[in-house]
Amino acid sequence: MIIRNARYAMIFFGVSLLWQRLSVDYILWIPTVITTFILFLLSLLFDWAKTPYKWNKNDKEK
């Protein structure tokens, strides 16, 4: 789960750097790194929220 989300974030990072380099002659490092980190955390949270939780797990074991 973490590797897949890190892969998405790194792809975004690379595309963002390439876009900035081609469109403007300088790269804004801090906003790009912060945006990539936030994207990684949001995608990790989204994957975590998709997994179901077994609500009555402890009640059935007794």
PDB file of N, CA and C in Angstrom:
ATOM      1  N   MET A   1       0.825  -1.178   0.000  1.00  0.00           N
ATOM      2  CA  MET A   1       0.000   0.000   0.000  1.00  0.00           C
ATOM      3  C   MET A   1       0.881   1.258   0.000  1.00  0.00           C
ATOM      4  N   ILE A   2       1.910   1.277   0.795  1.00  0.00           N
ATOM      5  CA  ILE A   2       2.770   2.455   0.879  1.00  0.00           C
ATOM      6  C   ILE A   2       3.586   2.619  -0.396  1.00  0.00           C
ATOM      7  N   ILE A   3       4.059   1.519  -0.947  1.00  0.00           N
ATOM      8  CA  ILE A   3       4.892   1.603  -2.152  1.00  0.00           C
ATOM      9  C   ILE A   3       4.081   2.120  -3.330  1.00  0.00           C
ATOM     10  N   ARG A   4       2.838   1.662  -3.462  1.00  0.00           N
ATOM     11  CA  ARG A   4       1.991   2.125  -4.562  1.00  0.00           C
ATOM     12  C   ARG A   4       1.711   3.620  -4.427  1.00  0.00           C
ATOM     13  N   ASN A   5       1.411   4.071  -3.219  1.00  0.00           N
ATOM     14  CA  ASN A   5       1.156   5.501  -3.009  1.00  0.00           C
ATOM     15  C   ASN A   5       2.419   6.329  -3.211  1.00  0.00           C
ATOM     16  N   ALA A   6       3.559   5.812  -2.812  1.00  0.00           N
ATOM     17  CA  ALA A   6       4.818   6.522  -3.035  1.00  0.00           C
ATOM     18  C   ALA A   6       5.121   6.597  -4.530  1.00  0.00           C
ATOM     19  N   ARG A   7       4.765   5.565  -5.260  1.00  0.00           N
ATOM     20  CA  ARG A   7       4.983   5.565  -6.707  1.00  0.00           C
ATOM     21  C   ARG A   7       4.153   6.665  -7.363  1.00  0.00           C
ATOM     22  N   TYR A   8       2.883   6.802  -6.964  1.00  0.00           N
ATOM     23  CA  TYR A   8       2.033   7.867  -7.511  1.00  0.00           C
ATOM     24  C   TYR A   8       2.606   9.241  -7.178  1.00  0.00           C
ATOM     25  N   ALA A   9       3.073   9.405  -5.952  1.00  0.00           N
ATOM     26  CA  ALA A   9       3.634  10.690  -5.550  1.00  0.00           C
ATOM     27  C   ALA A   9       4.913  11.000  -6.332  1.00  0.00           C
ATOM     28  N   MET A  10       5.755  10.001  -6.554  1.00  0.00           N
ATOM     29  CA  MET A  10       6.992  10.229  -7.297  1.00  0.00           C
ATOM     30  C   MET A  10       6.712  10.524  -8.772  1.00  0.00           C
ATOM     31  N   ILE A  11       5.701   9.898  -9.339  1.00  0.00           N
ATOM     32  CA  ILE A  11       5.319  10.209 -10.720  1.00  0.00           C
ATOM     33  C   ILE A  11       4.842  11.654 -10.799  1.00  0.00           C
ATOM     34  N   PHE A  12       4.017  12.064  -9.831  1.00  0.00           N
ATOM     35  CA  PHE A  12       3.570  13.451  -9.798  1.00  0.00           C
ATOM     36  C   PHE A  12       4.760  14.397  -9.650  1.00  0.00           C
ATOM     37  N   PHE A  13       5.705  14.046  -8.801  1.00  0.00           N
ATOM     38  CA  PHE A  13       6.885  14.869  -8.583  1.00  0.00           C
ATOM     39  C   PHE A  13       7.691  15.026  -9.871  1.00  0.00           C
ATOM     40  N   GLY A  14       7.927  13.938 -10.556  1.00  0.00           N
ATOM     41  CA  GLY A  14       8.690  13.985 -11.807  1.00  0.00           C
ATOM     42  C   GLY A  14       7.989  14.781 -12.892  1.00  0.00           C
ATOM     43  N   VAL A  15       6.691  14.563 -13.046  1.00  0.00           N
ATOM     44  CA  VAL A  15       5.935  15.296 -14.060  1.00  0.00           C
ATOM     45  C   VAL A  15       5.895  16.779 -13.714  1.00  0.00           C
ATOM     46  N   SER A  16       5.739  17.085 -12.436  1.00  0.00           N
ATOM     47  CA  SER A  16       5.712  18.484 -12.012  1.00  0.00           C
ATOM     48  C   SER A  16       7.050  19.175 -12.283  1.00  0.00           C
ATOM     49  N   LEU A  17       8.149  18.494 -11.992  1.00  0.00           N
ATOM     50  CA  LEU A  17       9.468  19.070 -12.272  1.00  0.00           C
ATOM     51  C   LEU A  17       9.688  19.260 -13.767  1.00  0.00           C
ATOM     52  N   LEU A  18       9.293  18.282 -14.546  1.00  0.00           N
ATOM     53  CA  LEU A  18       9.435  18.384 -15.992  1.00  0.00           C
ATOM     54  C   LEU A  18       8.586  19.527 -16.536  1.00  0.00           C
ATOM     55  N   TRP A  19       7.363  19.644 -16.062  1.00  0.00           N
ATOM     56  CA  TRP A  19       6.479  20.717 -16.506  1.00  0.00           C
ATOM     57  C   TRP A  19       7.053  22.090 -16.156  1.00  0.00           C
ATOM     58  N   GLN A  20       7.552  22.221 -14.932  1.00  0.00           N
ATOM     59  CA  GLN A  20       8.123  23.501 -14.525  1.00  0.00           C
ATOM     60  C   GLN A  20       9.375  23.827 -15.334  1.00  0.00           C
ATOM     61  N   ARG A  21      10.159  22.843 -15.621  1.00  0.00           N
ATOM     62  CA  ARG A  21      11.403  23.066 -16.376  1.00  0.00           C
ATOM     63  C   ARG A  21      11.115  23.469 -17.816  1.00  0.00           C
ATOM     64  N   LEU A  22      10.080  22.868 -18.413  1.00  0.00           N
ATOM     65  CA  LEU A  22       9.766  23.181 -19.805  1.00  0.00           C
ATOM     66  C   LEU A  22       8.982  24.480 -19.953  1.00  0.00           C
ATOM     67  N   SER A  23       8.099  24.770 -18.998  1.00  0.00           N
ATOM     68  CA  SER A  23       7.274  25.968 -19.140  1.00  0.00           C
ATOM     69  C   SER A  23       7.992  27.220 -18.639  1.00  0.00           C
ATOM     70  N   VAL A  24       8.718  27.093 -17.550  1.00  0.00           N
ATOM     71  CA  VAL A  24       9.479  28.213 -16.988  1.00  0.00           C
ATOM     72  C   VAL A  24      10.912  27.702 -16.833  1.00  0.00           C
ATOM     73  N   ASP A  25      11.873  28.593 -16.766  1.00  0.00           N
ATOM     74  CA  ASP A  25      13.265  28.149 -16.688  1.00  0.00           C
ATOM     75  C   ASP A  25      13.761  27.890 -15.274  1.00  0.00           C
ATOM     76  N   TYR A  26      12.872  27.917 -14.307  1.00  0.00           N
ATOM     77  CA  TYR A  26      13.279  27.630 -12.928  1.00  0.00           C
ATOM     78  C   TYR A  26      12.267  26.690 -12.281  1.00  0.00           C
ATOM     79  N   ILE A  27      12.694  26.047 -11.212  1.00  0.00           N
ATOM     80  CA  ILE A  27      11.859  25.069 -10.522  1.00  0.00           C
ATOM     81  C   ILE A  27      11.602  25.574  -9.110  1.00  0.00           C
ATOM     82  N   LEU A  28      10.349  25.563  -8.714  1.00  0.00           N
ATOM     83  CA  LEU A  28       9.969  25.927  -7.353  1.00  0.00           C
ATOM     84  C   LEU A  28      10.020  24.657  -6.500  1.00  0.00           C
ATOM     85  N   TRP A  29      11.113  24.454  -5.795  1.00  0.00           N
ATOM     86  CA  TRP A  29      11.345  23.200  -5.089  1.00  0.00           C
ATOM     87  C   TRP A  29      10.435  23.011  -3.887  1.00  0.00           C
ATOM     88  N   ILE A  30      10.342  24.017  -3.031  1.00  0.00           N
ATOM     89  CA  ILE A  30       9.594  23.857  -1.779  1.00  0.00           C
ATOM     90  C   ILE A  30       8.111  23.594  -2.033  1.00  0.00           C
ATOM     91  N   PRO A  31       7.416  24.380  -2.867  1.00  0.00           N
ATOM     92  CA  PRO A  31       6.006  24.056  -3.129  1.00  0.00           C
ATOM     93  C   PRO A  31       5.814  22.692  -3.792  1.00  0.00           C
ATOM     94  N   THR A  32       6.754  22.312  -4.646  1.00  0.00           N
ATOM     95  CA  THR A  32       6.638  21.019  -5.315  1.00  0.00           C
ATOM     96  C   THR A  32       6.798  19.872  -4.320  1.00  0.00           C
ATOM     97  N   VAL A  33       7.761  19.975  -3.423  1.00  0.00           N
ATOM     98  CA  VAL A  33       7.977  18.918  -2.429  1.00  0.00           C
ATOM     99  C   VAL A  33       6.808  18.864  -1.457  1.00  0.00           C
ATOM    100  N   ILE A  34       6.316  20.014  -1.017  1.00  0.00           N
ATOM    101  CA  ILE A  34       5.188  20.027  -0.085  1.00  0.00           C
ATOM    102  C   ILE A  34       3.933  19.455  -0.743  1.00  0.00           C
ATOM    103  N   THR A  35       3.674  19.828  -1.982  1.00  0.00           N
ATOM    104  CA  THR A  35       2.514  19.297  -2.697  1.00  0.00           C
ATOM    105  C   THR A  35       2.629  17.793  -2.892  1.00  0.00           C
ATOM    106  N   THR A  36       3.808  17.307  -3.210  1.00  0.00           N
ATOM    107  CA  THR A  36       4.018  15.869  -3.370  1.00  0.00           C
ATOM    108  C   THR A  36       3.786  15.133  -2.058  1.00  0.00           C
ATOM    109  N   PHE A  37       4.273  15.684  -0.958  1.00  0.00           N
ATOM    110  CA  PHE A  37       4.086  15.060   0.351  1.00  0.00           C
ATOM    111  C   PHE A  37       2.610  15.032   0.742  1.00  0.00           C
ATOM    112  N   ILE A  38       1.898  16.114   0.484  1.00  0.00           N
ATOM    113  CA  ILE A  38       0.461  16.149   0.793  1.00  0.00           C
ATOM    114  C   ILE A  38      -0.296  15.152  -0.082  1.00  0.00           C
ATOM    115  N   LEU A  39       0.068  15.050  -1.351  1.00  0.00           N
ATOM    116  CA  LEU A  39      -0.544  14.069  -2.242  1.00  0.00           C
ATOM    117  C   LEU A  39      -0.302  12.655  -1.738  1.00  0.00           C
ATOM    118  N   PHE A  40       0.917  12.372  -1.282  1.00  0.00           N
ATOM    119  CA  PHE A  40       1.232  11.056  -0.739  1.00  0.00           C
ATOM    120  C   PHE A  40       0.376  10.751   0.493  1.00  0.00           C
ATOM    121  N   LEU A  41       0.263  11.705   1.400  1.00  0.00           N
ATOM    122  CA  LEU A  41      -0.533  11.484   2.612  1.00  0.00           C
ATOM    123  C   LEU A  41      -2.019  11.311   2.298  1.00  0.00           C
ATOM    124  N   LEU A  42      -2.547  12.095   1.370  1.00  0.00           N
ATOM    125  CA  LEU A  42      -3.954  11.964   1.006  1.00  0.00           C
ATOM    126  C   LEU A  42      -4.244  10.636   0.316  1.00  0.00           C
ATOM    127  N   SER A  43      -3.364  10.197  -0.555  1.00  0.00           N
ATOM    128  CA  SER A  43      -3.581   8.909  -1.209  1.00  0.00           C
ATOM    129  C   SER A  43      -3.435   7.757  -0.220  1.00  0.00           C
ATOM    130  N   LEU A  44      -2.536   7.905   0.748  1.00  0.00           N
ATOM    131  CA  LEU A  44      -2.400   6.899   1.794  1.00  0.00           C
ATOM    132  C   LEU A  44      -3.656   6.853   2.664  1.00  0.00           C
ATOM    133  N   LEU A  45      -4.198   7.999   3.009  1.00  0.00           N
ATOM    134  CA  LEU A  45      -5.428   8.075   3.791  1.00  0.00           C
ATOM    135  C   LEU A  45      -6.596   7.488   3.006  1.00  0.00           C
ATOM    136  N   PHE A  46      -6.665   7.756   1.721  1.00  0.00           N
ATOM    137  CA  PHE A  46      -7.739   7.218   0.892  1.00  0.00           C
ATOM    138  C   PHE A  46      -7.671   5.693   0.831  1.00  0.00           C
ATOM    139  N   ASP A  47      -6.482   5.134   0.657  1.00  0.00           N
ATOM    140  CA  ASP A  47      -6.335   3.669   0.641  1.00  0.00           C
ATOM    141  C   ASP A  47      -6.683   3.063   1.994  1.00  0.00           C
ATOM    142  N   TRP A  48      -6.290   3.725   3.057  1.00  0.00           N
ATOM    143  CA  TRP A  48      -6.591   3.231   4.398  1.00  0.00           C
ATOM    144  C   TRP A  48      -8.099   3.247   4.645  1.00  0.00           C
ATOM    145  N   ALA A  49      -8.788   4.261   4.143  1.00  0.00           N
ATOM    146  CA  ALA A  49     -10.229   4.380   4.352  1.00  0.00           C
ATOM    147  C   ALA A  49     -11.014   3.364   3.523  1.00  0.00           C
ATOM    148  N   LYS A  50     -10.440   2.851   2.451  1.00  0.00           N
ATOM    149  CA  LYS A  50     -11.141   1.875   1.618  1.00  0.00           C
ATOM    150  C   LYS A  50     -11.211   0.489   2.256  1.00  0.00           C
ATOM    151  N   THR A  51     -10.289   0.158   3.151  1.00  0.00           N
ATOM    152  CA  THR A  51     -10.292  -1.175   3.739  1.00  0.00           C
ATOM    153  C   THR A  51     -11.400  -1.274   4.786  1.00  0.00           C
ATOM    154  N   PRO A  52     -12.248  -2.296   4.698  1.00  0.00           N
ATOM    155  CA  PRO A  52     -13.360  -2.408   5.645  1.00  0.00           C
ATOM    156  C   PRO A  52     -12.877  -2.856   7.029  1.00  0.00           C
ATOM    157  N   TYR A  53     -13.640  -2.470   8.021  1.00  0.00           N
ATOM    158  CA  TYR A  53     -13.344  -2.845   9.396  1.00  0.00           C
ATOM    159  C   TYR A  53     -14.400  -3.828   9.854  1.00  0.00           C
ATOM    160  N   LYS A  54     -13.998  -4.893  10.549  1.00  0.00           N
ATOM    161  CA  LYS A  54     -14.932  -5.886  11.058  1.00  0.00           C
ATOM    162  C   LYS A  54     -15.451  -5.405  12.407  1.00  0.00           C
ATOM    163  N   TRP A  55     -16.683  -4.907  12.408  1.00  0.00           N
ATOM    164  CA  TRP A  55     -17.233  -4.237  13.582  1.00  0.00           C
ATOM    165  C   TRP A  55     -17.462  -5.180  14.757  1.00  0.00           C
ATOM    166  N   ASN A  56     -18.027  -6.332  14.535  1.00  0.00           N
ATOM    167  CA  ASN A  56     -18.395  -7.228  15.627  1.00  0.00           C
ATOM    168  C   ASN A  56     -17.368  -8.331  15.836  1.00  0.00           C
ATOM    169  N   LYS A  57     -16.144  -8.048  15.611  1.00  0.00           N
ATOM    170  CA  LYS A  57     -15.098  -9.062  15.718  1.00  0.00           C
ATOM    171  C   LYS A  57     -14.962  -9.557  17.150  1.00  0.00           C
ATOM    172  N   ASN A  58     -14.930  -8.686  18.133  1.00  0.00           N
ATOM    173  CA  ASN A  58     -14.753  -9.089  19.526  1.00  0.00           C
ATOM    174  C   ASN A  58     -16.002  -9.725  20.111  1.00  0.00           C
ATOM    175  N   ASP A  59     -17.195  -9.349  19.677  1.00  0.00           N
ATOM    176  CA  ASP A  59     -18.429  -9.906  20.203  1.00  0.00           C
ATOM    177  C   ASP A  59     -18.627 -11.356  19.783  1.00  0.00           C
ATOM    178  N   LYS A  60     -18.229 -11.731  18.603  1.00  0.00           N
ATOM    179  CA  LYS A  60     -18.414 -13.093  18.117  1.00  0.00           C
ATOM    180  C   LYS A  60     -17.412 -14.070  18.725  1.00  0.00           C
ATOM    181  N   GLU A  61     -16.265 -13.583  19.169  1.00  0.00           N
ATOM    182  CA  GLU A  61     -15.259 -14.473  19.739  1.00  0.00           C
ATOM    183  C   GLU A  61     -15.610 -14.938  21.144  1.00  0.00           C
ATOM    184  N   LYS A  62     -16.456 -14.210  21.856  1.00  0.00           N
ATOM    185  CA  LYS A  62     -16.804 -14.566  23.245  1.00  0.00           C
ATOM    186  C   LYS A  62     -17.787 -15.666  23.351  1.00  0.00           C
TER     187      LYS A  62
END
